[in-house]
Amino acid sequence: MTGLEGVTVEVTFSIRDPEGKWLEEEDIQARFAELRPALQSLDEAEGRLSIYNDDTTYAITTFKDELGVLVSTVCLDAVGDLAAGKAVRVSMVSHPQRIDFDVEGDQIVIHGDGIDGDRCPARPLLKALVACGERYAALLKKLHGGDPTWSKNLSGWDQGAARARASLA
């Protein structure tokens, strides 16, 4: 997903459709024309982020919430603090769950309510989080780019992605 050579961490998103089925990121891209009408009505859809650690633990850490909030909070907003070595706690909006990201040297430990937790290499995780946030923002542009009522929201996504990317420089 990230398109980075030698990546050891991958972050993907999925959306729960109105029938309760999970649509994985690859499915959404492959079936975009077919899914577009349903996706446009899912502004506050439940979604999940999955972190695949292919470095040391081979673990998959998954958490769910309103997808837009989850992606902006974890994939964009948290990256600056994590890159600066600060711990981040994320409280879910639609579930009584929290996720903690603790920086320990060149690794980030992910733990919290209802997840097993994992330890990921920091730089690959941060790059993968930003890439996932950028892919989600691109999906929103594909869905709502021509809608003037979305222009401020889409601009906010661009700014958040730019800040997150800049924090990795």
N, C-alpha and C. Protein backbone atom coordinates (compact mmCIF):
# COMPACT_ATOMS: atom_id res chain seq x y z
N MET A 1 0.79 -1.21 0.00
CA MET A 1 0.00 0.00 0.00
C MET A 1 0.83 1.26 0.00
N THR A 2 1.94 1.29 0.73
CA THR A 2 2.68 2.53 0.89
C THR A 2 3.54 2.86 -0.31
N GLY A 3 3.91 1.87 -1.10
CA GLY A 3 4.75 2.11 -2.26
C GLY A 3 6.20 2.40 -1.91
N LEU A 4 6.61 2.13 -0.68
CA LEU A 4 7.98 2.38 -0.26
C LEU A 4 8.77 1.09 -0.34
N GLU A 5 9.97 1.18 -0.89
CA GLU A 5 10.84 0.02 -1.02
C GLU A 5 11.26 -0.46 0.37
N GLY A 6 11.17 -1.75 0.62
CA GLY A 6 11.60 -2.32 1.89
C GLY A 6 10.74 -1.97 3.08
N VAL A 7 9.52 -1.53 2.87
CA VAL A 7 8.65 -1.14 3.97
C VAL A 7 8.38 -2.34 4.87
N THR A 8 8.46 -2.08 6.15
CA THR A 8 8.21 -3.15 7.11
C THR A 8 6.89 -2.97 7.84
N VAL A 9 6.22 -1.85 7.62
CA VAL A 9 4.93 -1.58 8.25
C VAL A 9 3.99 -1.04 7.18
N GLU A 10 2.76 -1.51 7.21
CA GLU A 10 1.75 -1.07 6.26
C GLU A 10 0.50 -0.70 7.04
N VAL A 11 -0.16 0.38 6.64
CA VAL A 11 -1.40 0.82 7.28
C VAL A 11 -2.46 0.94 6.19
N THR A 12 -3.59 0.29 6.41
CA THR A 12 -4.69 0.35 5.45
C THR A 12 -5.98 0.73 6.18
N PHE A 13 -6.96 1.19 5.41
CA PHE A 13 -8.27 1.48 5.99
C PHE A 13 -9.33 0.64 5.29
N SER A 14 -10.44 0.46 5.97
CA SER A 14 -11.60 -0.19 5.38
C SER A 14 -12.85 0.50 5.93
N ILE A 15 -13.94 0.37 5.18
CA ILE A 15 -15.20 1.04 5.50
C ILE A 15 -16.28 -0.01 5.63
N ARG A 16 -17.15 0.15 6.64
CA ARG A 16 -18.31 -0.73 6.76
C ARG A 16 -19.44 -0.12 5.91
N ASP A 17 -19.93 -0.90 4.95
CA ASP A 17 -20.97 -0.39 4.07
C ASP A 17 -22.34 -0.46 4.77
N PRO A 18 -23.39 0.09 4.15
CA PRO A 18 -24.70 0.12 4.80
C PRO A 18 -25.26 -1.28 5.14
N GLU A 19 -24.78 -2.30 4.44
CA GLU A 19 -25.24 -3.66 4.71
C GLU A 19 -24.39 -4.35 5.77
N GLY A 20 -23.40 -3.64 6.34
CA GLY A 20 -22.58 -4.20 7.40
C GLY A 20 -21.35 -4.95 6.91
N LYS A 21 -21.08 -4.94 5.62
CA LYS A 21 -19.90 -5.62 5.07
C LYS A 21 -18.71 -4.67 5.09
N TRP A 22 -17.53 -5.24 5.34
CA TRP A 22 -16.32 -4.43 5.32
C TRP A 22 -15.79 -4.33 3.90
N LEU A 23 -15.56 -3.11 3.45
CA LEU A 23 -14.95 -2.84 2.14
C LEU A 23 -13.50 -2.46 2.38
N GLU A 24 -12.60 -3.32 1.93
CA GLU A 24 -11.17 -3.05 2.10
C GLU A 24 -10.74 -1.98 1.10
N GLU A 25 -9.69 -1.30 1.44
CA GLU A 25 -9.18 -0.21 0.61
C GLU A 25 -8.98 -0.63 -0.84
N GLU A 26 -8.39 -1.80 -1.07
CA GLU A 26 -8.16 -2.27 -2.44
C GLU A 26 -9.47 -2.50 -3.19
N ASP A 27 -10.49 -3.01 -2.48
CA ASP A 27 -11.80 -3.23 -3.10
C ASP A 27 -12.45 -1.91 -3.49
N ILE A 28 -12.30 -0.92 -2.63
CA ILE A 28 -12.89 0.39 -2.91
C ILE A 28 -12.26 0.97 -4.18
N GLN A 29 -10.95 0.88 -4.30
CA GLN A 29 -10.27 1.40 -5.49
C GLN A 29 -10.68 0.63 -6.74
N ALA A 30 -10.73 -0.69 -6.63
CA ALA A 30 -11.05 -1.53 -7.79
C ALA A 30 -12.50 -1.38 -8.24
N ARG A 31 -13.40 -1.14 -7.30
CA ARG A 31 -14.84 -1.07 -7.61
C ARG A 31 -15.40 0.33 -7.39
N PHE A 32 -14.56 1.33 -7.54
CA PHE A 32 -14.95 2.69 -7.20
C PHE A 32 -16.22 3.14 -7.91
N ALA A 33 -16.31 2.96 -9.21
CA ALA A 33 -17.48 3.44 -9.96
C ALA A 33 -18.76 2.80 -9.42
N GLU A 34 -18.70 1.53 -9.13
CA GLU A 34 -19.86 0.81 -8.61
C GLU A 34 -20.23 1.26 -7.19
N LEU A 35 -19.21 1.50 -6.37
CA LEU A 35 -19.42 1.82 -4.96
C LEU A 35 -19.65 3.30 -4.69
N ARG A 36 -19.33 4.14 -5.66
CA ARG A 36 -19.38 5.59 -5.44
C ARG A 36 -20.68 6.09 -4.82
N PRO A 37 -21.86 5.73 -5.34
CA PRO A 37 -23.09 6.27 -4.74
C PRO A 37 -23.23 5.90 -3.25
N ALA A 38 -22.90 4.69 -2.90
CA ALA A 38 -23.00 4.27 -1.49
C ALA A 38 -21.96 4.98 -0.64
N LEU A 39 -20.75 5.14 -1.17
CA LEU A 39 -19.68 5.78 -0.41
C LEU A 39 -19.97 7.26 -0.15
N GLN A 40 -20.62 7.93 -1.09
CA GLN A 40 -20.90 9.36 -0.91
C GLN A 40 -21.85 9.62 0.24
N SER A 41 -22.65 8.64 0.60
CA SER A 41 -23.61 8.83 1.69
C SER A 41 -23.05 8.35 3.03
N LEU A 42 -21.80 7.99 3.07
CA LEU A 42 -21.20 7.44 4.29
C LEU A 42 -20.25 8.42 4.96
N ASP A 43 -20.67 9.65 5.14
CA ASP A 43 -19.79 10.68 5.69
C ASP A 43 -19.23 10.32 7.06
N GLU A 44 -20.01 9.69 7.89
CA GLU A 44 -19.55 9.32 9.22
C GLU A 44 -19.56 7.81 9.38
N ALA A 45 -19.18 7.12 8.33
CA ALA A 45 -19.21 5.66 8.32
C ALA A 45 -18.21 5.07 9.30
N GLU A 46 -18.60 3.92 9.83
CA GLU A 46 -17.66 3.19 10.67
C GLU A 46 -16.56 2.64 9.77
N GLY A 47 -15.37 2.72 10.28
CA GLY A 47 -14.24 2.21 9.53
C GLY A 47 -13.22 1.62 10.47
N ARG A 48 -12.18 1.09 9.89
CA ARG A 48 -11.10 0.56 10.72
C ARG A 48 -9.76 0.82 10.05
N LEU A 49 -8.77 0.93 10.89
CA LEU A 49 -7.38 1.02 10.46
C LEU A 49 -6.71 -0.28 10.85
N SER A 50 -5.91 -0.80 9.95
CA SER A 50 -5.14 -2.01 10.24
C SER A 50 -3.67 -1.69 10.03
N ILE A 51 -2.88 -2.01 11.03
CA ILE A 51 -1.44 -1.82 10.97
C ILE A 51 -0.80 -3.19 10.87
N TYR A 52 -0.12 -3.44 9.76
CA TYR A 52 0.55 -4.71 9.52
C TYR A 52 2.03 -4.52 9.80
N ASN A 53 2.53 -5.20 10.81
CA ASN A 53 3.94 -5.09 11.19
C ASN A 53 4.67 -6.30 10.62
N ASP A 54 5.35 -6.07 9.53
CA ASP A 54 6.09 -7.16 8.87
C ASP A 54 7.57 -7.08 9.21
N ASP A 55 7.88 -6.45 10.35
CA ASP A 55 9.27 -6.26 10.74
C ASP A 55 9.72 -7.32 11.74
N THR A 56 9.12 -7.30 12.90
CA THR A 56 9.57 -8.21 13.96
C THR A 56 8.48 -9.13 14.47
N THR A 57 7.30 -8.59 14.67
CA THR A 57 6.24 -9.39 15.31
C THR A 57 5.27 -10.02 14.33
N TYR A 58 5.22 -9.52 13.12
CA TYR A 58 4.26 -9.98 12.11
C TYR A 58 2.83 -9.87 12.61
N ALA A 59 2.58 -8.89 13.46
CA ALA A 59 1.25 -8.70 14.05
C ALA A 59 0.40 -7.80 13.16
N ILE A 60 -0.90 -7.93 13.33
CA ILE A 60 -1.87 -7.03 12.71
C ILE A 60 -2.65 -6.40 13.86
N THR A 61 -2.55 -5.08 13.97
CA THR A 61 -3.27 -4.34 14.99
C THR A 61 -4.38 -3.58 14.30
N THR A 62 -5.62 -3.79 14.75
CA THR A 62 -6.77 -3.16 14.10
C THR A 62 -7.61 -2.44 15.14
N PHE A 63 -8.08 -1.25 14.79
CA PHE A 63 -9.03 -0.54 15.64
C PHE A 63 -10.04 0.16 14.77
N LYS A 64 -11.24 0.37 15.34
CA LYS A 64 -12.31 0.94 14.52
C LYS A 64 -12.97 2.12 15.22
N ASP A 65 -13.55 2.98 14.39
CA ASP A 65 -14.24 4.19 14.85
C ASP A 65 -14.87 4.82 13.60
N GLU A 66 -15.39 6.04 13.74
CA GLU A 66 -15.81 6.76 12.55
C GLU A 66 -14.56 6.96 11.71
N LEU A 67 -14.59 6.52 10.47
CA LEU A 67 -13.36 6.44 9.69
C LEU A 67 -12.67 7.78 9.48
N GLY A 68 -13.41 8.81 9.15
CA GLY A 68 -12.78 10.11 8.93
C GLY A 68 -12.06 10.62 10.17
N VAL A 69 -12.69 10.48 11.32
CA VAL A 69 -12.08 10.90 12.58
C VAL A 69 -10.85 10.05 12.87
N LEU A 70 -10.98 8.76 12.68
CA LEU A 70 -9.89 7.82 12.95
C LEU A 70 -8.67 8.13 12.08
N VAL A 71 -8.90 8.29 10.78
CA VAL A 71 -7.79 8.56 9.87
C VAL A 71 -7.15 9.91 10.17
N SER A 72 -7.96 10.95 10.37
CA SER A 72 -7.35 12.26 10.62
C SER A 72 -6.60 12.27 11.95
N THR A 73 -7.14 11.63 12.97
CA THR A 73 -6.51 11.64 14.28
C THR A 73 -5.24 10.80 14.31
N VAL A 74 -5.31 9.57 13.81
CA VAL A 74 -4.17 8.65 13.90
C VAL A 74 -3.17 8.87 12.77
N CYS A 75 -3.65 8.98 11.55
CA CYS A 75 -2.74 9.02 10.39
C CYS A 75 -2.16 10.39 10.11
N LEU A 76 -2.81 11.44 10.59
CA LEU A 76 -2.30 12.78 10.29
C LEU A 76 -1.94 13.55 11.56
N ASP A 77 -2.89 13.75 12.45
CA ASP A 77 -2.66 14.59 13.63
C ASP A 77 -1.60 14.02 14.57
N ALA A 78 -1.60 12.73 14.80
CA ALA A 78 -0.69 12.12 15.77
C ALA A 78 0.75 12.08 15.28
N VAL A 79 0.96 12.12 13.99
CA VAL A 79 2.29 11.90 13.43
C VAL A 79 3.31 12.95 13.89
N GLY A 80 2.90 14.21 13.95
CA GLY A 80 3.83 15.26 14.38
C GLY A 80 4.37 15.02 15.78
N ASP A 81 3.47 14.71 16.71
CA ASP A 81 3.90 14.44 18.09
C ASP A 81 4.76 13.19 18.16
N LEU A 82 4.36 12.14 17.47
CA LEU A 82 5.15 10.91 17.50
C LEU A 82 6.53 11.12 16.90
N ALA A 83 6.59 11.87 15.81
CA ALA A 83 7.89 12.15 15.18
C ALA A 83 8.78 12.97 16.11
N ALA A 84 8.17 13.76 16.99
CA ALA A 84 8.92 14.57 17.96
C ALA A 84 9.23 13.78 19.24
N GLY A 85 8.86 12.50 19.26
CA GLY A 85 9.16 11.66 20.42
C GLY A 85 8.15 11.73 21.53
N LYS A 86 6.98 12.31 21.28
CA LYS A 86 5.94 12.45 22.30
C LYS A 86 4.93 11.32 22.19
N ALA A 87 4.43 10.87 23.32
CA ALA A 87 3.38 9.86 23.35
C ALA A 87 2.06 10.48 22.91
N VAL A 88 1.19 9.65 22.34
CA VAL A 88 -0.12 10.11 21.88
C VAL A 88 -1.17 9.13 22.38
N ARG A 89 -2.26 9.67 22.91
CA ARG A 89 -3.42 8.86 23.30
C ARG A 89 -4.58 9.28 22.41
N VAL A 90 -5.24 8.30 21.81
CA VAL A 90 -6.38 8.55 20.94
C VAL A 90 -7.60 7.91 21.58
N SER A 91 -8.64 8.71 21.81
CA SER A 91 -9.91 8.18 22.31
C SER A 91 -10.87 8.05 21.15
N MET A 92 -11.48 6.89 21.02
CA MET A 92 -12.42 6.66 19.94
C MET A 92 -13.70 7.47 20.16
N VAL A 93 -14.32 7.88 19.08
CA VAL A 93 -15.53 8.68 19.14
C VAL A 93 -16.76 7.79 19.33
N SER A 94 -16.83 6.70 18.61
CA SER A 94 -18.05 5.88 18.62
C SER A 94 -17.92 4.58 19.39
N HIS A 95 -16.77 4.35 20.02
CA HIS A 95 -16.55 3.14 20.81
C HIS A 95 -15.84 3.53 22.11
N PRO A 96 -16.14 2.86 23.20
CA PRO A 96 -15.44 3.17 24.45
C PRO A 96 -14.05 2.53 24.45
N GLN A 97 -13.16 3.08 23.66
CA GLN A 97 -11.84 2.50 23.48
C GLN A 97 -10.82 3.63 23.37
N ARG A 98 -9.63 3.35 23.83
CA ARG A 98 -8.52 4.28 23.65
C ARG A 98 -7.33 3.51 23.13
N ILE A 99 -6.48 4.21 22.42
CA ILE A 99 -5.26 3.61 21.89
C ILE A 99 -4.11 4.54 22.27
N ASP A 100 -3.07 3.95 22.79
CA ASP A 100 -1.87 4.71 23.16
C ASP A 100 -0.74 4.37 22.22
N PHE A 101 -0.02 5.40 21.82
CA PHE A 101 1.18 5.25 21.01
C PHE A 101 2.32 5.83 21.85
N ASP A 102 3.22 4.99 22.30
CA ASP A 102 4.35 5.42 23.12
C ASP A 102 5.64 5.26 22.33
N VAL A 103 6.44 6.32 22.29
CA VAL A 103 7.71 6.28 21.59
C VAL A 103 8.77 5.76 22.56
N GLU A 104 9.45 4.69 22.15
CA GLU A 104 10.54 4.11 22.92
C GLU A 104 11.74 3.95 21.99
N GLY A 105 12.61 4.94 22.01
CA GLY A 105 13.77 4.93 21.12
C GLY A 105 13.33 5.02 19.68
N ASP A 106 13.74 4.05 18.87
CA ASP A 106 13.38 4.07 17.45
C ASP A 106 12.17 3.18 17.17
N GLN A 107 11.37 2.94 18.21
CA GLN A 107 10.16 2.13 18.05
C GLN A 107 8.96 2.85 18.66
N ILE A 108 7.78 2.47 18.18
CA ILE A 108 6.54 2.98 18.75
C ILE A 108 5.75 1.77 19.24
N VAL A 109 5.36 1.83 20.50
CA VAL A 109 4.57 0.77 21.11
C VAL A 109 3.11 1.19 21.04
N ILE A 110 2.30 0.32 20.46
CA ILE A 110 0.86 0.57 20.32
C ILE A 110 0.14 -0.35 21.29
N HIS A 111 -0.69 0.23 22.15
CA HIS A 111 -1.46 -0.58 23.10
C HIS A 111 -2.72 0.18 23.48
N GLY A 112 -3.61 -0.49 24.15
CA GLY A 112 -4.84 0.17 24.58
C GLY A 112 -5.94 -0.82 24.83
N ASP A 113 -7.14 -0.29 24.96
CA ASP A 113 -8.32 -1.10 25.27
C ASP A 113 -8.68 -2.02 24.11
N GLY A 114 -8.78 -3.28 24.40
CA GLY A 114 -9.28 -4.24 23.43
C GLY A 114 -8.34 -4.56 22.28
N ILE A 115 -7.08 -4.17 22.37
CA ILE A 115 -6.12 -4.55 21.34
C ILE A 115 -4.93 -5.22 22.01
N ASP A 116 -4.35 -6.17 21.31
CA ASP A 116 -3.22 -6.91 21.86
C ASP A 116 -1.98 -6.05 21.98
N GLY A 117 -1.84 -5.10 21.09
CA GLY A 117 -0.68 -4.23 21.12
C GLY A 117 0.44 -4.75 20.25
N ASP A 118 1.36 -3.86 19.96
CA ASP A 118 2.48 -4.21 19.10
C ASP A 118 3.58 -3.18 19.28
N ARG A 119 4.75 -3.51 18.79
CA ARG A 119 5.92 -2.64 18.80
C ARG A 119 6.38 -2.55 17.34
N CYS A 120 6.36 -1.34 16.79
CA CYS A 120 6.71 -1.14 15.38
C CYS A 120 7.92 -0.21 15.27
N PRO A 121 8.72 -0.40 14.21
CA PRO A 121 9.79 0.57 13.96
C PRO A 121 9.16 1.93 13.65
N ALA A 122 9.64 2.97 14.32
CA ALA A 122 8.99 4.28 14.27
C ALA A 122 8.91 4.87 12.87
N ARG A 123 10.03 4.99 12.20
CA ARG A 123 10.03 5.69 10.90
C ARG A 123 9.12 5.01 9.87
N PRO A 124 9.23 3.68 9.69
CA PRO A 124 8.31 3.04 8.75
C PRO A 124 6.84 3.17 9.14
N LEU A 125 6.55 3.11 10.46
CA LEU A 125 5.16 3.27 10.90
C LEU A 125 4.66 4.66 10.58
N LEU A 126 5.43 5.69 10.89
CA LEU A 126 5.00 7.06 10.64
C LEU A 126 4.79 7.31 9.15
N LYS A 127 5.70 6.82 8.32
CA LYS A 127 5.54 6.97 6.86
C LYS A 127 4.27 6.25 6.38
N ALA A 128 4.01 5.07 6.92
CA ALA A 128 2.83 4.30 6.52
C ALA A 128 1.55 4.99 6.98
N LEU A 129 1.57 5.58 8.18
CA LEU A 129 0.39 6.32 8.66
C LEU A 129 0.08 7.50 7.74
N VAL A 130 1.11 8.28 7.41
CA VAL A 130 0.90 9.44 6.53
C VAL A 130 0.40 8.99 5.16
N ALA A 131 0.99 7.94 4.62
CA ALA A 131 0.57 7.44 3.30
C ALA A 131 -0.90 7.01 3.33
N CYS A 132 -1.32 6.37 4.41
CA CYS A 132 -2.72 5.97 4.54
C CYS A 132 -3.62 7.20 4.61
N GLY A 133 -3.23 8.20 5.38
CA GLY A 133 -4.00 9.44 5.45
C GLY A 133 -4.11 10.13 4.10
N GLU A 134 -3.03 10.11 3.34
CA GLU A 134 -3.05 10.72 2.01
C GLU A 134 -3.95 9.93 1.06
N ARG A 135 -3.93 8.62 1.15
CA ARG A 135 -4.82 7.81 0.29
C ARG A 135 -6.28 8.05 0.64
N TYR A 136 -6.59 8.18 1.93
CA TYR A 136 -7.96 8.46 2.34
C TYR A 136 -8.38 9.85 1.84
N ALA A 137 -7.50 10.84 1.97
CA ALA A 137 -7.80 12.18 1.47
C ALA A 137 -8.05 12.16 -0.04
N ALA A 138 -7.26 11.36 -0.76
CA ALA A 138 -7.45 11.23 -2.22
C ALA A 138 -8.81 10.60 -2.53
N LEU A 139 -9.22 9.62 -1.71
CA LEU A 139 -10.54 9.02 -1.91
C LEU A 139 -11.63 10.06 -1.70
N LEU A 140 -11.50 10.87 -0.67
CA LEU A 140 -12.50 11.92 -0.43
C LEU A 140 -12.56 12.89 -1.61
N LYS A 141 -11.40 13.22 -2.18
CA LYS A 141 -11.39 14.11 -3.35
C LYS A 141 -12.10 13.47 -4.53
N LYS A 142 -11.87 12.16 -4.73
CA LYS A 142 -12.55 11.47 -5.82
C LYS A 142 -14.05 11.47 -5.60
N LEU A 143 -14.46 11.33 -4.36
CA LEU A 143 -15.89 11.27 -4.04
C LEU A 143 -16.55 12.64 -4.09
N HIS A 144 -15.87 13.67 -3.57
CA HIS A 144 -16.53 14.95 -3.33
C HIS A 144 -15.82 16.15 -3.98
N GLY A 145 -14.84 15.90 -4.84
CA GLY A 145 -14.07 16.99 -5.42
C GLY A 145 -14.88 18.03 -6.16
N GLY A 146 -15.98 17.65 -6.77
CA GLY A 146 -16.80 18.60 -7.51
C GLY A 146 -17.87 19.26 -6.69
N ASP A 147 -17.95 18.95 -5.41
CA ASP A 147 -19.01 19.46 -4.54
C ASP A 147 -18.49 20.67 -3.77
N PRO A 148 -19.00 21.88 -4.06
CA PRO A 148 -18.50 23.07 -3.38
C PRO A 148 -18.69 23.05 -1.87
N THR A 149 -19.67 22.31 -1.39
CA THR A 149 -19.88 22.24 0.06
C THR A 149 -18.77 21.45 0.75
N TRP A 150 -17.97 20.70 -0.02
CA TRP A 150 -16.87 19.92 0.54
C TRP A 150 -15.53 20.62 0.41
N SER A 151 -15.46 21.75 -0.28
CA SER A 151 -14.16 22.34 -0.59
C SER A 151 -13.36 22.69 0.67
N LYS A 152 -13.99 23.25 1.69
CA LYS A 152 -13.26 23.60 2.92
C LYS A 152 -12.78 22.32 3.63
N ASN A 153 -13.62 21.31 3.68
CA ASN A 153 -13.26 20.04 4.30
C ASN A 153 -12.07 19.41 3.57
N LEU A 154 -12.13 19.38 2.25
CA LEU A 154 -11.04 18.79 1.46
C LEU A 154 -9.75 19.58 1.63
N SER A 155 -9.87 20.89 1.72
CA SER A 155 -8.70 21.72 1.95
C SER A 155 -8.08 21.39 3.31
N GLY A 156 -8.91 21.15 4.31
CA GLY A 156 -8.42 20.76 5.63
C GLY A 156 -7.66 19.45 5.59
N TRP A 157 -8.15 18.50 4.80
CA TRP A 157 -7.45 17.21 4.65
C TRP A 157 -6.09 17.44 4.00
N ASP A 158 -6.03 18.29 2.97
CA ASP A 158 -4.75 18.59 2.31
C ASP A 158 -3.77 19.22 3.29
N GLN A 159 -4.25 20.15 4.09
CA GLN A 159 -3.38 20.82 5.06
C GLN A 159 -2.89 19.84 6.12
N GLY A 160 -3.79 18.98 6.61
CA GLY A 160 -3.38 17.97 7.60
C GLY A 160 -2.34 17.02 7.05
N ALA A 161 -2.52 16.60 5.81
CA ALA A 161 -1.55 15.69 5.19
C ALA A 161 -0.21 16.39 4.99
N ALA A 162 -0.26 17.65 4.59
CA ALA A 162 0.99 18.41 4.40
C ALA A 162 1.75 18.57 5.72
N ARG A 163 1.02 18.87 6.81
CA ARG A 163 1.67 19.01 8.12
C ARG A 163 2.29 17.69 8.55
N ALA A 164 1.55 16.59 8.38
CA ALA A 164 2.06 15.27 8.77
C ALA A 164 3.30 14.92 7.95
N ARG A 165 3.25 15.13 6.65
CA ARG A 165 4.39 14.84 5.77
C ARG A 165 5.59 15.70 6.16
N ALA A 166 5.35 16.98 6.46
CA ALA A 166 6.45 17.88 6.83
C ALA A 166 7.11 17.44 8.15
N SER A 167 6.35 16.86 9.04
CA SER A 167 6.93 16.44 10.33
C SER A 167 7.89 15.27 10.16
N LEU A 168 7.85 14.63 9.01
CA LEU A 168 8.77 13.50 8.75
C LEU A 168 10.07 13.96 8.10
N ALA A 169 10.12 15.21 7.69
CA ALA A 169 11.31 15.72 6.99
C ALA A 169 12.51 15.83 7.91
